C-alpha atoms as a PDB file:
ATOM      1  CA  MET A   1      -4.332   9.679  14.583  1.00  0.00           C
ATOM      2  CA  THR A   2      -3.670  13.390  14.460  1.00  0.00           C
ATOM      3  CA  ARG A   3      -4.685  15.546  11.529  1.00  0.00           C
ATOM      4  CA  HIS A   4      -0.975  16.130  10.793  1.00  0.00           C
ATOM      5  CA  ASN A   5      -0.291  12.391  10.562  1.00  0.00           C
ATOM      6  CA  LYS A   6      -3.377  11.897   8.366  1.00  0.00           C
ATOM      7  CA  ASN A   7      -2.179  14.643   6.013  1.00  0.00           C
ATOM      8  CA  ILE A   8       1.289  13.071   5.794  1.00  0.00           C
ATOM      9  CA  GLY A   9      -0.261   9.640   5.198  1.00  0.00           C
ATOM     10  CA  ASP A  10      -2.541  10.972   2.444  1.00  0.00           C
ATOM     11  CA  TRP A  11       0.424  12.757   0.823  1.00  0.00           C
ATOM     12  CA  GLY A  12       2.438   9.515   0.898  1.00  0.00           C
ATOM     13  CA  GLU A  13      -0.446   7.574  -0.633  1.00  0.00           C
ATOM     14  CA  ASP A  14      -0.710  10.141  -3.440  1.00  0.00           C
ATOM     15  CA  LEU A  15       3.013   9.712  -4.162  1.00  0.00           C
ATOM     16  CA  ALA A  16       2.614   5.913  -4.108  1.00  0.00           C
ATOM     17  CA  VAL A  17      -0.245   6.135  -6.626  1.00  0.00           C
ATOM     18  CA  GLY A  18       1.946   8.229  -8.939  1.00  0.00           C
ATOM     19  CA  PHE A  19       4.803   5.738  -8.513  1.00  0.00           C
ATOM     20  CA  LEU A  20       2.543   2.821  -9.457  1.00  0.00           C
ATOM     21  CA  ARG A  21       0.991   4.610 -12.444  1.00  0.00           C
ATOM     22  CA  ARG A  22       4.446   5.457 -13.832  1.00  0.00           C
ATOM     23  CA  ARG A  23       5.199   1.727 -13.740  1.00  0.00           C
ATOM     24  CA  GLY A  24       2.096   0.745 -15.687  1.00  0.00           C
ATOM     25  CA  PHE A  25      -0.307  -0.108 -12.888  1.00  0.00           C
ATOM     26  CA  ALA A  26      -3.985   0.780 -13.144  1.00  0.00           C
ATOM     27  CA  ILE A  27      -5.369   2.112  -9.864  1.00  0.00           C
ATOM     28  CA  ILE A  28      -8.661   0.341  -9.161  1.00  0.00           C
ATOM     29  CA  GLU A  29      -9.554   1.692  -5.759  1.00  0.00           C
ATOM     30  CA  ARG A  30      -8.176   3.603  -2.786  1.00  0.00           C
ATOM     31  CA  ASN A  31      -8.887   3.365   0.934  1.00  0.00           C
ATOM     32  CA  PHE A  32     -11.122   0.307   0.916  1.00  0.00           C
ATOM     33  CA  HIS A  33     -12.422  -0.153   4.473  1.00  0.00           C
ATOM     34  CA  THR A  34     -13.517  -3.373   6.150  1.00  0.00           C
ATOM     35  CA  THR A  35     -14.096  -4.354   9.761  1.00  0.00           C
ATOM     36  CA  GLN A  36     -10.669  -6.058   9.602  1.00  0.00           C
ATOM     37  CA  GLY A  37      -8.748  -3.042   8.353  1.00  0.00           C
ATOM     38  CA  GLU A  38      -8.082  -0.880   5.344  1.00  0.00           C
ATOM     39  CA  ILE A  39      -6.442  -1.460   1.989  1.00  0.00           C
ATOM     40  CA  ASP A  40      -4.658   1.738   0.989  1.00  0.00           C
ATOM     41  CA  ILE A  41      -4.461   1.023  -2.747  1.00  0.00           C
ATOM     42  CA  VAL A  42      -5.852  -1.674  -5.012  1.00  0.00           C
ATOM     43  CA  ALA A  43      -4.028  -1.771  -8.349  1.00  0.00           C
ATOM     44  CA  GLN A  44      -3.965  -4.068 -11.344  1.00  0.00           C
ATOM     45  CA  LYS A  45      -1.250  -4.963 -13.810  1.00  0.00           C
ATOM     46  CA  GLY A  46      -0.984  -7.838 -16.255  1.00  0.00           C
ATOM     47  CA  GLY A  47      -4.140  -9.468 -14.929  1.00  0.00           C
ATOM     48  CA  ASP A  48      -2.846  -9.587 -11.348  1.00  0.00           C
ATOM     49  CA  TYR A  49      -4.317  -7.633  -8.448  1.00  0.00           C
ATOM     50  CA  TYR A  50      -1.928  -5.752  -6.167  1.00  0.00           C
ATOM     51  CA  PHE A  51      -3.048  -4.829  -2.656  1.00  0.00           C
ATOM     52  CA  VAL A  52      -0.841  -2.050  -1.367  1.00  0.00           C
ATOM     53  CA  GLU A  53      -0.084  -0.896   2.173  1.00  0.00           C
ATOM     54  CA  VAL A  54       1.601   2.502   2.215  1.00  0.00           C
ATOM     55  CA  LYS A  55       3.748   3.817   5.061  1.00  0.00           C
ATOM     56  CA  THR A  56       5.185   7.312   5.042  1.00  0.00           C
ATOM     57  CA  ARG A  57       8.124   7.718   7.369  1.00  0.00           C
ATOM     58  CA  LEU A  58       9.654  11.073   8.228  1.00  0.00           C
ATOM     59  CA  ASN A  59      12.235   9.420  10.479  1.00  0.00           C
ATOM     60  CA  LEU A  60      14.608   7.295   8.401  1.00  0.00           C
ATOM     61  CA  ALA A  61      15.327   5.062  11.419  1.00  0.00           C
ATOM     62  CA  LEU A  62      11.685   3.892  11.272  1.00  0.00           C
ATOM     63  CA  ALA A  63      11.729   3.402   7.484  1.00  0.00           C
ATOM     64  CA  THR A  64      12.377  -0.320   7.379  1.00  0.00           C
ATOM     65  CA  ASP A  65      10.390  -3.192   5.963  1.00  0.00           C
ATOM     66  CA  LEU A  66       9.296  -3.778   9.559  1.00  0.00           C
ATOM     67  CA  ALA A  67       7.120  -0.663   9.266  1.00  0.00           C
ATOM     68  CA  ILE A  68       4.540  -3.104   7.908  1.00  0.00           C
ATOM     69  CA  HIS A  69       4.629  -5.488  10.876  1.00  0.00           C
ATOM     70  CA  PRO A  70       3.111  -9.006  10.977  1.00  0.00           C
ATOM     71  CA  LEU A  71      -0.149  -7.877  12.605  1.00  0.00           C
ATOM     72  CA  LYS A  72      -0.641  -5.269   9.866  1.00  0.00           C
ATOM     73  CA  GLN A  73       0.067  -7.927   7.227  1.00  0.00           C
ATOM     74  CA  TYR A  74      -2.474 -10.250   8.893  1.00  0.00           C
ATOM     75  CA  ARG A  75      -5.128  -7.511   8.848  1.00  0.00           C
ATOM     76  CA  LEU A  76      -4.276  -6.737   5.235  1.00  0.00           C
ATOM     77  CA  ALA A  77      -4.785 -10.412   4.323  1.00  0.00           C
ATOM     78  CA  LYS A  78      -8.210 -10.406   6.023  1.00  0.00           C
ATOM     79  CA  ALA A  79      -9.198  -7.181   4.236  1.00  0.00           C
ATOM     80  CA  VAL A  80      -8.044  -8.624   0.899  1.00  0.00           C
ATOM     81  CA  LYS A  81     -10.213 -11.712   1.380  1.00  0.00           C
ATOM     82  CA  GLU A  82     -13.216  -9.508   2.090  1.00  0.00           C
ATOM     83  CA  TYR A  83     -12.403  -7.264  -0.904  1.00  0.00           C
ATOM     84  CA  CYS A  84     -12.192 -10.263  -3.258  1.00  0.00           C
ATOM     85  CA  TYR A  85     -15.439 -11.658  -1.889  1.00  0.00           C
ATOM     86  CA  ARG A  86     -17.327  -8.348  -2.243  1.00  0.00           C
ATOM     87  CA  ARG A  87     -15.942  -7.684  -5.733  1.00  0.00           C
ATOM     88  CA  ASN A  88     -16.286 -11.318  -6.896  1.00  0.00           C
ATOM     89  CA  ILE A  89     -12.599 -11.571  -7.761  1.00  0.00           C
ATOM     90  CA  GLY A  90     -11.153 -15.019  -8.248  1.00  0.00           C
ATOM     91  CA  GLY A  91      -8.782 -16.912 -10.475  1.00  0.00           C
ATOM     92  CA  VAL A  92      -6.270 -14.092 -10.650  1.00  0.00           C
ATOM     93  CA  GLY A  93      -2.887 -13.450  -9.094  1.00  0.00           C
ATOM     94  CA  ILE A  94      -3.014 -11.733  -5.713  1.00  0.00           C
ATOM     95  CA  ILE A  95       0.073  -9.812  -4.625  1.00  0.00           C
ATOM     96  CA  TYR A  96       0.491  -7.955  -1.325  1.00  0.00           C
ATOM     97  CA  VAL A  97       2.830  -5.006  -1.606  1.00  0.00           C
ATOM     98  CA  GLY A  98       4.308  -2.530   0.826  1.00  0.00           C
ATOM     99  CA  ILE A  99       5.370   0.914  -0.320  1.00  0.00           C
ATOM    100  CA  ILE A 100       7.460   2.981   2.044  1.00  0.00           C
ATOM    101  CA  VAL A 101       7.662   6.706   1.274  1.00  0.00           C
ATOM    102  CA  LEU A 102      10.782   8.444   2.626  1.00  0.00           C
ATOM    103  CA  PRO A 103      10.930  12.217   2.210  1.00  0.00           C
ATOM    104  CA  ASP A 104      14.319  13.879   2.739  1.00  0.00           C
ATOM    105  CA  ARG A 105      13.584  17.463   3.712  1.00  0.00           C
ATOM    106  CA  ALA A 106      17.220  18.537   3.546  1.00  0.00           C
ATOM    107  CA  LYS A 107      17.651  17.343  -0.036  1.00  0.00           C
ATOM    108  CA  LYS A 108      14.035  18.061  -0.982  1.00  0.00           C
ATOM    109  CA  THR A 109      13.713  14.589  -2.485  1.00  0.00           C
ATOM    110  CA  VAL A 110      11.541  11.548  -1.874  1.00  0.00           C
ATOM    111  CA  LYS A 111      12.580   7.909  -2.008  1.00  0.00           C
ATOM    112  CA  ILE A 112       9.973   5.247  -2.561  1.00  0.00           C
ATOM    113  CA  ARG A 113      10.656   1.631  -1.593  1.00  0.00           C
ATOM    114  CA  TYR A 114       8.525  -1.113  -3.132  1.00  0.00           C
ATOM    115  CA  VAL A 115       8.465  -4.407  -1.233  1.00  0.00           C
ATOM    116  CA  VAL A 116       6.524  -7.548  -2.178  1.00  0.00           C
ATOM    117  CA  LEU A 117       5.105  -8.888   1.074  1.00  0.00           C
ATOM    118  CA  ARG A 118       3.356 -11.952  -0.332  1.00  0.00           C
ATOM    119  CA  ASN A 119       2.708 -13.316  -3.806  1.00  0.00           C
ATOM    120  CA  LEU A 120      -0.261 -15.649  -4.165  1.00  0.00           C
ATOM    121  CA  SER A 121      -0.044 -15.942  -7.974  1.00  0.00           C
END
């Protein structure tokens, strides 16, 4: 990953955190690493835990729900299991979420798409 891509990804994650906070989510943790993969954002709302994968797409043609492909979802599920084990989390709702950040340079705006990938509540 180039430094430019990392900077764009970090910027997108910051926007996603703001988006979640404005909707009443508490941000528990960011960038949790495991051998299986990374969880970009761990958030909580109403007693449920939300595990968030963020994708920032500069090219609108790539900004589909498929940006979070099945292999990425599989790795996210493995990372979530490890997170819950390490943090002793059980008996709560577990929700996997994708957030796609779409900046429009011409209009100087940003769209954020929130997609529930899996709900284990």
